[in-house]
């Protein structure tokens, strides 16, 4: 039996899937058990049923296909039905080309508009979701602290009766607290592993856009690789802006501006009520190193790529300022948290002055 495909362009062929999620969640109850182990348990009378999903990648088994365009053989991804499936990098290129051709914008403005669109539609919802999880984790901490004290008292009595060593008691206590935190976070729908979704998703969008724009310039093919449907666009050489009129050439000014914005973004991110945790200190120093290293990297790449990096960082800075506003947070459904700033701009300015004044004197 042969599969007939309508006479459409390859860009019109789409593979879709439908994921059905029908969880039935019941009320959780928190009970303190007076048995030996565990000393604390969050009971979750919960049934997760009817969960079924199908990945769109499983509908058609894929294989590498070599196709010829104008006598040049290129490799792509093609399923058993003969339908070519574009990669995420190619989809970014299609979006850039669509905005450029239909809106009649120069390439520098096309890159800017596409960056704002992707950050607003794809990345920003994950950022809001992350803030909701962080607020729930913070609000659940007082309850966890109260339960930890009860665990400590019960464990001390039991350890004395059983004659446990300090080392064994510390090990049991650590396991009990870990189980407590996991159960409470699960009940409050704020599991900490969900916090990693935003950076991975944001890094994926950033990588695909960087690769797509890099391939459009035709520079460093060994770095940006090659995709089936991405062409080198000579128009980039004449559709720049201000001093970087040629988007195919390198530009040191854009690289320096990128470094300044990235360092500012890291410093503002680290400003919050209360001291930073050890993990937050580690992340802050790591981000500082990345921000500084972005300057020489951007200085060696075409200005189209460094301009995209600069616009992406500016969008991140605006996103950070927006999600610090209490009124915006309430509008987006983010719960109130003790560390939330009432007057973000004034408090961040005061914190910056205090931080650098302390280092100076």
C-alpha atoms as a PDB file:
ATOM      1  CA  UNK A   1       0.000   0.000   0.000  1.00  0.00           C
ATOM      2  CA  UNK A   2       1.512   3.306  -1.034  1.00  0.00           C
ATOM      3  CA  UNK A   3       1.072   6.544   0.861  1.00  0.00           C
ATOM      4  CA  UNK A   4       0.062   9.434  -1.363  1.00  0.00           C
ATOM      5  CA  UNK A   5       1.145  12.859  -0.236  1.00  0.00           C
ATOM      6  CA  UNK A   6      -0.754  15.913  -1.527  1.00  0.00           C
ATOM      7  CA  UNK A   7       1.091  18.229  -3.820  1.00  0.00           C
ATOM      8  CA  UNK A   8       2.321  20.716  -1.237  1.00  0.00           C
ATOM      9  CA  UNK A   9       5.601  22.345  -0.489  1.00  0.00           C
ATOM     10  CA  UNK A  10       7.767  20.655   2.093  1.00  0.00           C
ATOM     11  CA  UNK A  11       7.362  23.609   4.484  1.00  0.00           C
ATOM     12  CA  UNK A  12       3.589  22.956   4.535  1.00  0.00           C
ATOM     13  CA  UNK A  13       3.986  19.354   5.680  1.00  0.00           C
ATOM     14  CA  UNK A  14       3.540  19.077   9.408  1.00  0.00           C
ATOM     15  CA  UNK A  15       3.521  16.134  11.764  1.00  0.00           C
ATOM     16  CA  UNK A  16       1.231  16.676  14.742  1.00  0.00           C
ATOM     17  CA  UNK A  17       0.420  14.719  17.843  1.00  0.00           C
ATOM     18  CA  UNK A  18      -2.044  14.930  20.690  1.00  0.00           C
ATOM     19  CA  UNK A  19      -1.086  14.279  24.257  1.00  0.00           C
ATOM     20  CA  UNK A  20      -3.865  13.348  26.655  1.00  0.00           C
ATOM     21  CA  UNK A  21      -3.302  13.977  30.331  1.00  0.00           C
ATOM     22  CA  UNK A  22      -6.108  13.113  32.716  1.00  0.00           C
ATOM     23  CA  UNK A  23      -4.690  12.991  36.228  1.00  0.00           C
ATOM     24  CA  UNK A  24      -7.060  12.602  39.145  1.00  0.00           C
ATOM     25  CA  UNK A  25      -5.595  14.273  42.202  1.00  0.00           C
ATOM     26  CA  UNK A  26      -7.021  13.798  45.670  1.00  0.00           C
ATOM     27  CA  UNK A  27      -6.349  15.787  48.790  1.00  0.00           C
ATOM     28  CA  UNK A  28      -3.048  15.180  50.537  1.00  0.00           C
ATOM     29  CA  UNK A  29      -2.834  14.991  54.311  1.00  0.00           C
ATOM     30  CA  UNK A  30       0.154  15.591  56.537  1.00  0.00           C
ATOM     31  CA  UNK A  31       0.448  13.135  59.448  1.00  0.00           C
ATOM     32  CA  UNK A  32       3.102  12.649  62.080  1.00  0.00           C
ATOM     33  CA  UNK A  33       3.655   8.957  62.769  1.00  0.00           C
ATOM     34  CA  UNK A  34       4.889   7.861  66.159  1.00  0.00           C
ATOM     35  CA  UNK A  35       6.440   4.629  64.888  1.00  0.00           C
ATOM     36  CA  UNK A  36      10.098   3.946  64.569  1.00  0.00           C
ATOM     37  CA  UNK A  37      10.590   4.725  60.876  1.00  0.00           C
ATOM     38  CA  UNK A  38       9.834   6.893  59.121  1.00  0.00           C
ATOM     39  CA  UNK A  39       9.494   9.532  61.843  1.00  0.00           C
ATOM     40  CA  UNK A  40       7.623  11.824  59.491  1.00  0.00           C
ATOM     41  CA  UNK A  41       5.587  11.130  56.408  1.00  0.00           C
ATOM     42  CA  UNK A  42       3.427  13.201  54.091  1.00  0.00           C
ATOM     43  CA  UNK A  43       0.663  10.835  53.013  1.00  0.00           C
ATOM     44  CA  UNK A  44      -0.482  11.354  49.470  1.00  0.00           C
ATOM     45  CA  UNK A  45      -3.709   9.484  48.784  1.00  0.00           C
ATOM     46  CA  UNK A  46      -3.278  10.159  45.161  1.00  0.00           C
ATOM     47  CA  UNK A  47      -4.004   8.269  41.995  1.00  0.00           C
ATOM     48  CA  UNK A  48      -2.418   9.325  38.754  1.00  0.00           C
ATOM     49  CA  UNK A  49      -4.517   7.592  36.151  1.00  0.00           C
ATOM     50  CA  UNK A  50      -5.254   7.874  32.482  1.00  0.00           C
ATOM     51  CA  UNK A  51      -1.882   9.283  31.712  1.00  0.00           C
ATOM     52  CA  UNK A  52      -0.930   8.565  28.168  1.00  0.00           C
ATOM     53  CA  UNK A  53       1.206  10.418  25.767  1.00  0.00           C
ATOM     54  CA  UNK A  54       2.599   9.988  22.364  1.00  0.00           C
ATOM     55  CA  UNK A  55       5.695  11.766  21.258  1.00  0.00           C
ATOM     56  CA  UNK A  56       5.511  13.331  17.798  1.00  0.00           C
ATOM     57  CA  UNK A  57       8.894  11.774  17.077  1.00  0.00           C
ATOM     58  CA  UNK A  58       7.361   8.283  17.426  1.00  0.00           C
ATOM     59  CA  UNK A  59       4.730   8.609  14.716  1.00  0.00           C
ATOM     60  CA  UNK A  60       7.167   8.139  11.848  1.00  0.00           C
ATOM     61  CA  UNK A  61      10.488   6.322  12.313  1.00  0.00           C
ATOM     62  CA  UNK A  62      13.147   8.611  10.953  1.00  0.00           C
ATOM     63  CA  UNK A  63      16.250   7.917   8.915  1.00  0.00           C
ATOM     64  CA  UNK A  64      19.009  10.003   7.460  1.00  0.00           C
ATOM     65  CA  UNK A  65      18.277  10.935   3.875  1.00  0.00           C
ATOM     66  CA  UNK A  66      20.594  12.370   1.257  1.00  0.00           C
ATOM     67  CA  UNK A  67      18.925  14.728  -1.189  1.00  0.00           C
ATOM     68  CA  UNK A  68      20.383  16.587  -4.143  1.00  0.00           C
ATOM     69  CA  UNK A  69      19.805  20.275  -4.862  1.00  0.00           C
ATOM     70  CA  UNK A  70      21.461  21.684  -7.935  1.00  0.00           C
ATOM     71  CA  UNK A  71      23.958  18.840  -8.063  1.00  0.00           C
ATOM     72  CA  UNK A  72      24.942  19.287  -4.399  1.00  0.00           C
ATOM     73  CA  UNK A  73      24.125  16.426  -2.049  1.00  0.00           C
ATOM     74  CA  UNK A  74      22.984  17.366   1.436  1.00  0.00           C
ATOM     75  CA  UNK A  75      21.807  15.276   4.359  1.00  0.00           C
ATOM     76  CA  UNK A  76      18.574  15.791   6.272  1.00  0.00           C
ATOM     77  CA  UNK A  77      16.006  13.936   8.339  1.00  0.00           C
ATOM     78  CA  UNK A  78      13.300  12.085   6.497  1.00  0.00           C
ATOM     79  CA  UNK A  79      10.697   9.659   7.814  1.00  0.00           C
ATOM     80  CA  UNK A  80       9.558   6.397   6.251  1.00  0.00           C
ATOM     81  CA  UNK A  81       6.622   8.169   4.593  1.00  0.00           C
ATOM     82  CA  UNK A  82       9.023  10.407   2.668  1.00  0.00           C
ATOM     83  CA  UNK A  83       8.089  13.557   4.606  1.00  0.00           C
ATOM     84  CA  UNK A  84      11.038  15.818   5.384  1.00  0.00           C
ATOM     85  CA  UNK A  85      11.020  16.991   9.022  1.00  0.00           C
ATOM     86  CA  UNK A  86      12.867  20.306   9.514  1.00  0.00           C
ATOM     87  CA  UNK A  87      15.196  20.670  12.471  1.00  0.00           C
ATOM     88  CA  UNK A  88      14.622  23.361  15.142  1.00  0.00           C
ATOM     89  CA  UNK A  89      17.466  25.368  13.592  1.00  0.00           C
ATOM     90  CA  UNK A  90      15.741  25.274  10.206  1.00  0.00           C
ATOM     91  CA  UNK A  91      12.467  26.345  11.823  1.00  0.00           C
ATOM     92  CA  UNK A  92      14.236  29.384  13.293  1.00  0.00           C
ATOM     93  CA  UNK A  93      15.557  30.219   9.833  1.00  0.00           C
ATOM     94  CA  UNK A  94      12.056  29.870   8.356  1.00  0.00           C
ATOM     95  CA  UNK A  95      10.707  32.244  11.009  1.00  0.00           C
ATOM     96  CA  UNK A  96      13.436  34.799  10.317  1.00  0.00           C
ATOM     97  CA  UNK A  97      12.878  34.575   6.577  1.00  0.00           C
ATOM     98  CA  UNK A  98       9.091  34.805   6.960  1.00  0.00           C
ATOM     99  CA  UNK A  99       9.284  37.978   9.069  1.00  0.00           C
ATOM    100  CA  UNK A 100      11.889  39.532   6.753  1.00  0.00           C
ATOM    101  CA  UNK A 101       9.953  38.823   3.555  1.00  0.00           C
ATOM    102  CA  UNK A 102       6.411  39.544   4.749  1.00  0.00           C
ATOM    103  CA  UNK A 103       7.075  42.532   7.006  1.00  0.00           C
ATOM    104  CA  UNK A 104       9.617  44.097   4.659  1.00  0.00           C
ATOM    105  CA  UNK A 105      12.063  44.709   7.507  1.00  0.00           C
ATOM    106  CA  UNK A 106      15.837  44.991   7.142  1.00  0.00           C
ATOM    107  CA  UNK A 107      17.773  42.095   8.590  1.00  0.00           C
ATOM    108  CA  UNK A 108      18.887  43.866  11.765  1.00  0.00           C
ATOM    109  CA  UNK A 109      15.283  44.701  12.614  1.00  0.00           C
ATOM    110  CA  UNK A 110      14.190  41.193  11.626  1.00  0.00           C
ATOM    111  CA  UNK A 111      16.648  39.705  14.118  1.00  0.00           C
ATOM    112  CA  UNK A 112      15.410  42.100  16.810  1.00  0.00           C
ATOM    113  CA  UNK A 113      11.724  41.356  16.143  1.00  0.00           C
ATOM    114  CA  UNK A 114      12.299  37.595  16.064  1.00  0.00           C
ATOM    115  CA  UNK A 115      14.247  37.728  19.318  1.00  0.00           C
ATOM    116  CA  UNK A 116      11.467  39.619  21.095  1.00  0.00           C
ATOM    117  CA  UNK A 117       8.851  37.255  19.642  1.00  0.00           C
ATOM    118  CA  UNK A 118      10.636  34.085  20.741  1.00  0.00           C
ATOM    119  CA  UNK A 119      11.497  35.460  24.172  1.00  0.00           C
ATOM    120  CA  UNK A 120       7.915  36.599  24.718  1.00  0.00           C
ATOM    121  CA  UNK A 121       6.073  33.567  23.360  1.00  0.00           C
ATOM    122  CA  UNK A 122       8.454  30.682  24.073  1.00  0.00           C
ATOM    123  CA  UNK A 123      10.708  31.664  27.002  1.00  0.00           C
ATOM    124  CA  UNK A 124       8.634  34.083  29.104  1.00  0.00           C
ATOM    125  CA  UNK A 125       5.886  31.556  30.059  1.00  0.00           C
ATOM    126  CA  UNK A 126       8.565  29.237  31.459  1.00  0.00           C
ATOM    127  CA  UNK A 127      10.061  32.153  33.401  1.00  0.00           C
ATOM    128  CA  UNK A 128       6.663  32.899  34.962  1.00  0.00           C
ATOM    129  CA  UNK A 129       6.212  29.216  35.817  1.00  0.00           C
ATOM    130  CA  UNK A 130       9.650  29.146  37.443  1.00  0.00           C
ATOM    131  CA  UNK A 131       8.774  32.175  39.590  1.00  0.00           C
ATOM    132  CA  UNK A 132       5.578  30.459  40.746  1.00  0.00           C
ATOM    133  CA  UNK A 133       7.556  27.381  41.785  1.00  0.00           C
ATOM    134  CA  UNK A 134      10.158  29.465  43.625  1.00  0.00           C
ATOM    135  CA  UNK A 135       7.421  31.335  45.511  1.00  0.00           C
ATOM    136  CA  UNK A 136       5.723  28.076  46.529  1.00  0.00           C
ATOM    137  CA  UNK A 137       9.033  26.607  47.709  1.00  0.00           C
ATOM    138  CA  UNK A 138       9.705  29.698  49.805  1.00  0.00           C
ATOM    139  CA  UNK A 139       6.203  29.719  51.279  1.00  0.00           C
ATOM    140  CA  UNK A 140       6.470  26.027  52.191  1.00  0.00           C
ATOM    141  CA  UNK A 141       9.767  26.480  54.043  1.00  0.00           C
ATOM    142  CA  UNK A 142       8.291  27.594  57.432  1.00  0.00           C
ATOM    143  CA  UNK A 143       6.102  24.477  57.503  1.00  0.00           C
ATOM    144  CA  UNK A 144       9.116  22.299  56.663  1.00  0.00           C
ATOM    145  CA  UNK A 145      11.148  23.934  59.443  1.00  0.00           C
ATOM    146  CA  UNK A 146       8.405  23.198  61.988  1.00  0.00           C
ATOM    147  CA  UNK A 147       8.236  19.551  60.950  1.00  0.00           C
ATOM    148  CA  UNK A 148      12.027  19.257  61.046  1.00  0.00           C
ATOM    149  CA  UNK A 149      12.014  20.296  64.711  1.00  0.00           C
ATOM    150  CA  UNK A 150       9.464  17.581  65.482  1.00  0.00           C
ATOM    151  CA  UNK A 151      11.561  15.020  63.626  1.00  0.00           C
ATOM    152  CA  UNK A 152      14.644  16.081  65.594  1.00  0.00           C
ATOM    153  CA  UNK A 153      12.875  15.636  68.939  1.00  0.00           C
ATOM    154  CA  UNK A 154      11.383  12.245  68.071  1.00  0.00           C
ATOM    155  CA  UNK A 155      14.654  11.025  66.626  1.00  0.00           C
ATOM    156  CA  UNK A 156      16.633  12.099  69.698  1.00  0.00           C
ATOM    157  CA  UNK A 157      14.335  10.095  71.990  1.00  0.00           C
ATOM    158  CA  UNK A 158      14.437   7.041  69.759  1.00  0.00           C
ATOM    159  CA  UNK A 159      18.217   7.223  69.337  1.00  0.00           C
ATOM    160  CA  UNK A 160      18.645   7.339  73.111  1.00  0.00           C
ATOM    161  CA  UNK A 161      16.416   4.274  73.562  1.00  0.00           C
ATOM    162  CA  UNK A 162      18.216   2.305  70.852  1.00  0.00           C
ATOM    163  CA  UNK A 163      21.700   3.495  71.742  1.00  0.00           C
ATOM    164  CA  UNK A 164      22.483   4.917  68.299  1.00  0.00           C
ATOM    165  CA  UNK A 165      25.761   6.635  67.593  1.00  0.00           C
ATOM    166  CA  UNK A 166      25.844  10.292  66.571  1.00  0.00           C
ATOM    167  CA  UNK A 167      26.908   9.318  63.059  1.00  0.00           C
ATOM    168  CA  UNK A 168      24.013   6.894  62.599  1.00  0.00           C
ATOM    169  CA  UNK A 169      21.519   9.368  64.048  1.00  0.00           C
ATOM    170  CA  UNK A 170      22.758  12.097  61.673  1.00  0.00           C
ATOM    171  CA  UNK A 171      22.355   9.753  58.715  1.00  0.00           C
ATOM    172  CA  UNK A 172      18.788   8.814  59.679  1.00  0.00           C
ATOM    173  CA  UNK A 173      17.941  12.465  60.322  1.00  0.00           C
ATOM    174  CA  UNK A 174      19.266  13.479  56.893  1.00  0.00           C
ATOM    175  CA  UNK A 175      17.203  10.794  55.169  1.00  0.00           C
ATOM    176  CA  UNK A 176      14.057  11.773  57.058  1.00  0.00           C
ATOM    177  CA  UNK A 177      14.457  15.463  56.206  1.00  0.00           C
ATOM    178  CA  UNK A 178      15.120  14.649  52.562  1.00  0.00           C
ATOM    179  CA  UNK A 179      11.935  12.563  52.427  1.00  0.00           C
ATOM    180  CA  UNK A 180       9.976  15.299  54.194  1.00  0.00           C
ATOM    181  CA  UNK A 181      11.106  18.032  51.786  1.00  0.00           C
ATOM    182  CA  UNK A 182      10.386  15.851  48.762  1.00  0.00           C
ATOM    183  CA  UNK A 183       6.870  14.992  49.956  1.00  0.00           C
ATOM    184  CA  UNK A 184       5.959  18.556  50.926  1.00  0.00           C
ATOM    185  CA  UNK A 185       7.230  19.951  47.624  1.00  0.00           C
ATOM    186  CA  UNK A 186       5.279  17.278  45.748  1.00  0.00           C
ATOM    187  CA  UNK A 187       2.127  18.165  47.658  1.00  0.00           C
ATOM    188  CA  UNK A 188       2.610  21.880  46.964  1.00  0.00           C
ATOM    189  CA  UNK A 189       3.407  21.237  43.267  1.00  0.00           C
ATOM    190  CA  UNK A 190       6.820  22.853  43.560  1.00  0.00           C
ATOM    191  CA  UNK A 191       9.339  20.065  43.021  1.00  0.00           C
ATOM    192  CA  UNK A 192      12.776  21.608  42.693  1.00  0.00           C
ATOM    193  CA  UNK A 193      13.682  19.660  39.544  1.00  0.00           C
ATOM    194  CA  UNK A 194      11.149  21.779  37.642  1.00  0.00           C
ATOM    195  CA  UNK A 195      13.411  24.791  38.117  1.00  0.00           C
ATOM    196  CA  UNK A 196      15.773  23.366  35.493  1.00  0.00           C
ATOM    197  CA  UNK A 197      13.162  23.536  32.722  1.00  0.00           C
ATOM    198  CA  UNK A 198      13.662  27.257  32.035  1.00  0.00           C
ATOM    199  CA  UNK A 199      17.473  27.258  31.583  1.00  0.00           C
ATOM    200  CA  UNK A 200      17.385  24.183  29.347  1.00  0.00           C
ATOM    201  CA  UNK A 201      14.524  25.569  27.243  1.00  0.00           C
ATOM    202  CA  UNK A 202      16.125  29.006  27.013  1.00  0.00           C
ATOM    203  CA  UNK A 203      19.488  27.498  26.071  1.00  0.00           C
ATOM    204  CA  UNK A 204      17.803  25.457  23.333  1.00  0.00           C
ATOM    205  CA  UNK A 205      16.175  28.526  21.762  1.00  0.00           C
ATOM    206  CA  UNK A 206      19.413  30.518  22.052  1.00  0.00           C
ATOM    207  CA  UNK A 207      21.471  27.736  20.449  1.00  0.00           C
ATOM    208  CA  UNK A 208      19.063  27.217  17.537  1.00  0.00           C
ATOM    209  CA  UNK A 209      18.871  30.939  16.781  1.00  0.00           C
ATOM    210  CA  UNK A 210      22.645  31.359  17.040  1.00  0.00           C
ATOM    211  CA  UNK A 211      23.273  28.413  14.715  1.00  0.00           C
ATOM    212  CA  UNK A 212      20.652  29.588  12.241  1.00  0.00           C
ATOM    213  CA  UNK A 213      21.987  33.158  12.034  1.00  0.00           C
ATOM    214  CA  UNK A 214      25.563  31.895  11.881  1.00  0.00           C
ATOM    215  CA  UNK A 215      24.742  29.669   8.915  1.00  0.00           C
ATOM    216  CA  UNK A 216      23.004  32.573   7.187  1.00  0.00           C
ATOM    217  CA  UNK A 217      26.258  34.552   7.289  1.00  0.00           C
ATOM    218  CA  UNK A 218      28.249  31.690   5.784  1.00  0.00           C
ATOM    219  CA  UNK A 219      31.048  32.229   8.310  1.00  0.00           C
ATOM    220  CA  UNK A 220      32.691  29.455  10.330  1.00  0.00           C
ATOM    221  CA  UNK A 221      30.886  26.484   8.721  1.00  0.00           C
ATOM    222  CA  UNK A 222      32.882  24.136  10.955  1.00  0.00           C
ATOM    223  CA  UNK A 223      31.355  25.887  13.982  1.00  0.00           C
ATOM    224  CA  UNK A 224      27.796  26.476  12.826  1.00  0.00           C
ATOM    225  CA  UNK A 225      27.546  23.277  10.753  1.00  0.00           C
ATOM    226  CA  UNK A 226      25.143  23.197   7.769  1.00  0.00           C
ATOM    227  CA  UNK A 227      21.418  22.626   7.519  1.00  0.00           C
ATOM    228  CA  UNK A 228      19.352  21.454   4.571  1.00  0.00           C
ATOM    229  CA  UNK A 229      17.127  24.495   4.114  1.00  0.00           C
ATOM    230  CA  UNK A 230      19.364  27.351   5.316  1.00  0.00           C
ATOM    231  CA  UNK A 231      20.974  29.539   2.666  1.00  0.00           C
ATOM    232  CA  UNK A 232      23.797  32.058   2.873  1.00  0.00           C
ATOM    233  CA  UNK A 233      22.179  35.495   2.550  1.00  0.00           C
ATOM    234  CA  UNK A 234      24.365  38.200   0.945  1.00  0.00           C
ATOM    235  CA  UNK A 235      21.741  40.819   1.936  1.00  0.00           C
ATOM    236  CA  UNK A 236      23.107  40.675   5.483  1.00  0.00           C
ATOM    237  CA  UNK A 237      26.128  42.642   4.247  1.00  0.00           C
ATOM    238  CA  UNK A 238      23.989  45.716   3.505  1.00  0.00           C
ATOM    239  CA  UNK A 239      21.063  45.512   5.958  1.00  0.00           C
ATOM    240  CA  UNK A 240      22.779  46.353   9.218  1.00  0.00           C
ATOM    241  CA  UNK A 241      22.232  49.415  11.399  1.00  0.00           C
ATOM    242  CA  UNK A 242      24.237  52.436  12.521  1.00  0.00           C
ATOM    243  CA  UNK A 243      27.940  51.556  12.776  1.00  0.00           C
ATOM    244  CA  UNK A 244      27.435  47.813  12.119  1.00  0.00           C
ATOM    245  CA  UNK A 245      25.979  48.159   8.621  1.00  0.00           C
ATOM    246  CA  UNK A 246      27.614  44.895   7.492  1.00  0.00           C
ATOM    247  CA  UNK A 247      26.173  42.065   9.585  1.00  0.00           C
ATOM    248  CA  UNK A 248      28.683  39.602   8.148  1.00  0.00           C
ATOM    249  CA  UNK A 249      31.687  41.374   9.661  1.00  0.00           C
ATOM    250  CA  UNK A 250      32.859  41.307  13.271  1.00  0.00           C
ATOM    251  CA  UNK A 251      32.211  44.259  15.578  1.00  0.00           C
ATOM    252  CA  UNK A 252      34.029  44.922  18.841  1.00  0.00           C
ATOM    253  CA  UNK A 253      31.557  47.548  20.085  1.00  0.00           C
ATOM    254  CA  UNK A 254      28.677  45.080  20.076  1.00  0.00           C
ATOM    255  CA  UNK A 255      30.840  42.592  21.963  1.00  0.00           C
ATOM    256  CA  UNK A 256      31.702  45.128  24.680  1.00  0.00           C
ATOM    257  CA  UNK A 257      28.059  46.174  25.029  1.00  0.00           C
ATOM    258  CA  UNK A 258      27.127  42.506  25.341  1.00  0.00           C
ATOM    259  CA  UNK A 259      29.603  42.048  28.182  1.00  0.00           C
ATOM    260  CA  UNK A 260      28.285  45.111  30.035  1.00  0.00           C
ATOM    261  CA  UNK A 261      24.669  43.954  29.739  1.00  0.00           C
ATOM    262  CA  UNK A 262      25.512  40.396  30.805  1.00  0.00           C
ATOM    263  CA  UNK A 263      27.437  41.545  33.886  1.00  0.00           C
ATOM    264  CA  UNK A 264      24.574  43.901  34.794  1.00  0.00           C
ATOM    265  CA  UNK A 265      22.116  41.044  34.377  1.00  0.00           C
ATOM    266  CA  UNK A 266      24.125  38.797  36.709  1.00  0.00           C
ATOM    267  CA  UNK A 267      24.469  41.487  39.389  1.00  0.00           C
ATOM    268  CA  UNK A 268      20.769  42.366  39.330  1.00  0.00           C
ATOM    269  CA  UNK A 269      19.826  38.687  39.420  1.00  0.00           C
ATOM    270  CA  UNK A 270      21.846  38.216  42.603  1.00  0.00           C
ATOM    271  CA  UNK A 271      20.122  41.141  44.355  1.00  0.00           C
ATOM    272  CA  UNK A 272      17.387  39.805  46.600  1.00  0.00           C
ATOM    273  CA  UNK A 273      16.217  40.035  50.177  1.00  0.00           C
ATOM    274  CA  UNK A 274      18.264  37.964  52.552  1.00  0.00           C
ATOM    275  CA  UNK A 275      21.697  36.392  52.055  1.00  0.00           C
ATOM    276  CA  UNK A 276      22.519  34.210  49.075  1.00  0.00           C
ATOM    277  CA  UNK A 277      22.750  30.472  49.581  1.00  0.00           C
ATOM    278  CA  UNK A 278      25.926  28.559  48.771  1.00  0.00           C
ATOM    279  CA  UNK A 279      24.411  27.380  45.482  1.00  0.00           C
ATOM    280  CA  UNK A 280      23.394  30.927  44.556  1.00  0.00           C
ATOM    281  CA  UNK A 281      26.931  32.175  45.282  1.00  0.00           C
ATOM    282  CA  UNK A 282      28.318  29.450  43.033  1.00  0.00           C
ATOM    283  CA  UNK A 283      25.873  30.330  40.244  1.00  0.00           C
ATOM    284  CA  UNK A 284      26.653  34.028  40.586  1.00  0.00           C
ATOM    285  CA  UNK A 285      30.396  33.484  40.138  1.00  0.00           C
ATOM    286  CA  UNK A 286      29.801  31.073  37.255  1.00  0.00           C
ATOM    287  CA  UNK A 287      27.553  33.564  35.462  1.00  0.00           C
ATOM    288  CA  UNK A 288      30.134  36.304  35.976  1.00  0.00           C
ATOM    289  CA  UNK A 289      32.773  34.185  34.241  1.00  0.00           C
ATOM    290  CA  UNK A 290      30.374  33.408  31.380  1.00  0.00           C
ATOM    291  CA  UNK A 291      29.511  37.115  31.023  1.00  0.00           C
ATOM    292  CA  UNK A 292      33.175  38.079  30.752  1.00  0.00           C
ATOM    293  CA  UNK A 293      33.976  35.248  28.332  1.00  0.00           C
ATOM    294  CA  UNK A 294      31.095  36.322  26.075  1.00  0.00           C
ATOM    295  CA  UNK A 295      33.052  39.442  25.052  1.00  0.00           C
ATOM    296  CA  UNK A 296      35.936  37.748  23.172  1.00  0.00           C
ATOM    297  CA  UNK A 297      33.559  35.132  21.765  1.00  0.00           C
ATOM    298  CA  UNK A 298      31.231  37.790  20.324  1.00  0.00           C
ATOM    299  CA  UNK A 299      34.187  39.813  19.015  1.00  0.00           C
ATOM    300  CA  UNK A 300      35.257  36.897  16.796  1.00  0.00           C
ATOM    301  CA  UNK A 301      31.812  36.145  15.346  1.00  0.00           C
ATOM    302  CA  UNK A 302      29.801  37.996  12.663  1.00  0.00           C
ATOM    303  CA  UNK A 303      27.953  41.020  14.005  1.00  0.00           C
ATOM    304  CA  UNK A 304      24.630  39.377  13.096  1.00  0.00           C
ATOM    305  CA  UNK A 305      25.324  36.761  15.780  1.00  0.00           C
ATOM    306  CA  UNK A 306      26.688  39.215  18.364  1.00  0.00           C
ATOM    307  CA  UNK A 307      23.724  41.530  17.707  1.00  0.00           C
ATOM    308  CA  UNK A 308      21.347  38.644  18.408  1.00  0.00           C
ATOM    309  CA  UNK A 309      23.215  37.859  21.627  1.00  0.00           C
ATOM    310  CA  UNK A 310      22.981  41.502  22.685  1.00  0.00           C
ATOM    311  CA  UNK A 311      19.244  41.697  21.973  1.00  0.00           C
ATOM    312  CA  UNK A 312      18.638  38.405  23.781  1.00  0.00           C
ATOM    313  CA  UNK A 313      20.486  39.692  26.860  1.00  0.00           C
ATOM    314  CA  UNK A 314      18.525  42.962  26.765  1.00  0.00           C
ATOM    315  CA  UNK A 315      15.286  40.961  26.648  1.00  0.00           C
ATOM    316  CA  UNK A 316      16.520  38.957  29.629  1.00  0.00           C
ATOM    317  CA  UNK A 317      17.246  42.173  31.511  1.00  0.00           C
ATOM    318  CA  UNK A 318      13.751  43.478  30.768  1.00  0.00           C
ATOM    319  CA  UNK A 319      12.240  40.145  31.796  1.00  0.00           C
ATOM    320  CA  UNK A 320      14.104  40.266  35.110  1.00  0.00           C
ATOM    321  CA  UNK A 321      12.895  43.795  35.856  1.00  0.00           C
ATOM    322  CA  UNK A 322       9.332  42.910  34.864  1.00  0.00           C
ATOM    323  CA  UNK A 323       9.151  39.835  37.093  1.00  0.00           C
ATOM    324  CA  UNK A 324      10.454  41.818  40.082  1.00  0.00           C
ATOM    325  CA  UNK A 325       7.400  44.109  40.007  1.00  0.00           C
ATOM    326  CA  UNK A 326       4.793  43.055  42.627  1.00  0.00           C
ATOM    327  CA  UNK A 327       1.865  44.272  40.510  1.00  0.00           C
ATOM    328  CA  UNK A 328       3.069  42.294  37.481  1.00  0.00           C
ATOM    329  CA  UNK A 329       3.602  39.207  39.633  1.00  0.00           C
ATOM    330  CA  UNK A 330       0.044  39.395  40.998  1.00  0.00           C
ATOM    331  CA  UNK A 331      -1.313  39.870  37.484  1.00  0.00           C
ATOM    332  CA  UNK A 332       0.563  36.753  36.320  1.00  0.00           C
ATOM    333  CA  UNK A 333      -0.668  34.701  39.270  1.00  0.00           C
ATOM    334  CA  UNK A 334       2.703  34.434  41.046  1.00  0.00           C
ATOM    335  CA  UNK A 335       2.109  33.930  44.807  1.00  0.00           C
ATOM    336  CA  UNK A 336       3.496  36.431  47.282  1.00  0.00           C
ATOM    337  CA  UNK A 337       6.769  35.356  48.880  1.00  0.00           C
ATOM    338  CA  UNK A 338       8.682  36.782  51.877  1.00  0.00           C
ATOM    339  CA  UNK A 339      11.694  37.677  49.717  1.00  0.00           C
ATOM    340  CA  UNK A 340       9.596  39.654  47.234  1.00  0.00           C
ATOM    341  CA  UNK A 341      10.671  43.270  46.831  1.00  0.00           C
ATOM    342  CA  UNK A 342       8.003  45.891  47.493  1.00  0.00           C
ATOM    343  CA  UNK A 343       9.869  48.624  45.585  1.00  0.00           C
ATOM    344  CA  UNK A 344      12.232  46.696  43.295  1.00  0.00           C
ATOM    345  CA  UNK A 345      14.089  49.611  41.694  1.00  0.00           C
ATOM    346  CA  UNK A 346      14.776  51.432  44.958  1.00  0.00           C
ATOM    347  CA  UNK A 347      15.747  48.267  46.821  1.00  0.00           C
ATOM    348  CA  UNK A 348      18.068  47.047  44.053  1.00  0.00           C
ATOM    349  CA  UNK A 349      19.736  50.466  43.857  1.00  0.00           C
ATOM    350  CA  UNK A 350      20.279  50.514  47.621  1.00  0.00           C
ATOM    351  CA  UNK A 351      21.594  46.944  47.606  1.00  0.00           C
ATOM    352  CA  UNK A 352      24.041  47.716  44.791  1.00  0.00           C
ATOM    353  CA  UNK A 353      25.350  50.796  46.585  1.00  0.00           C
ATOM    354  CA  UNK A 354      25.777  48.839  49.815  1.00  0.00           C
ATOM    355  CA  UNK A 355      27.533  45.951  48.067  1.00  0.00           C
ATOM    356  CA  UNK A 356      30.135  48.004  46.219  1.00  0.00           C
ATOM    357  CA  UNK A 357      30.592  50.554  49.011  1.00  0.00           C
ATOM    358  CA  UNK A 358      31.454  47.664  51.330  1.00  0.00           C
ATOM    359  CA  UNK A 359      34.079  46.416  48.873  1.00  0.00           C
ATOM    360  CA  UNK A 360      35.553  49.893  48.390  1.00  0.00           C
ATOM    361  CA  UNK A 361      36.082  50.806  52.048  1.00  0.00           C
END
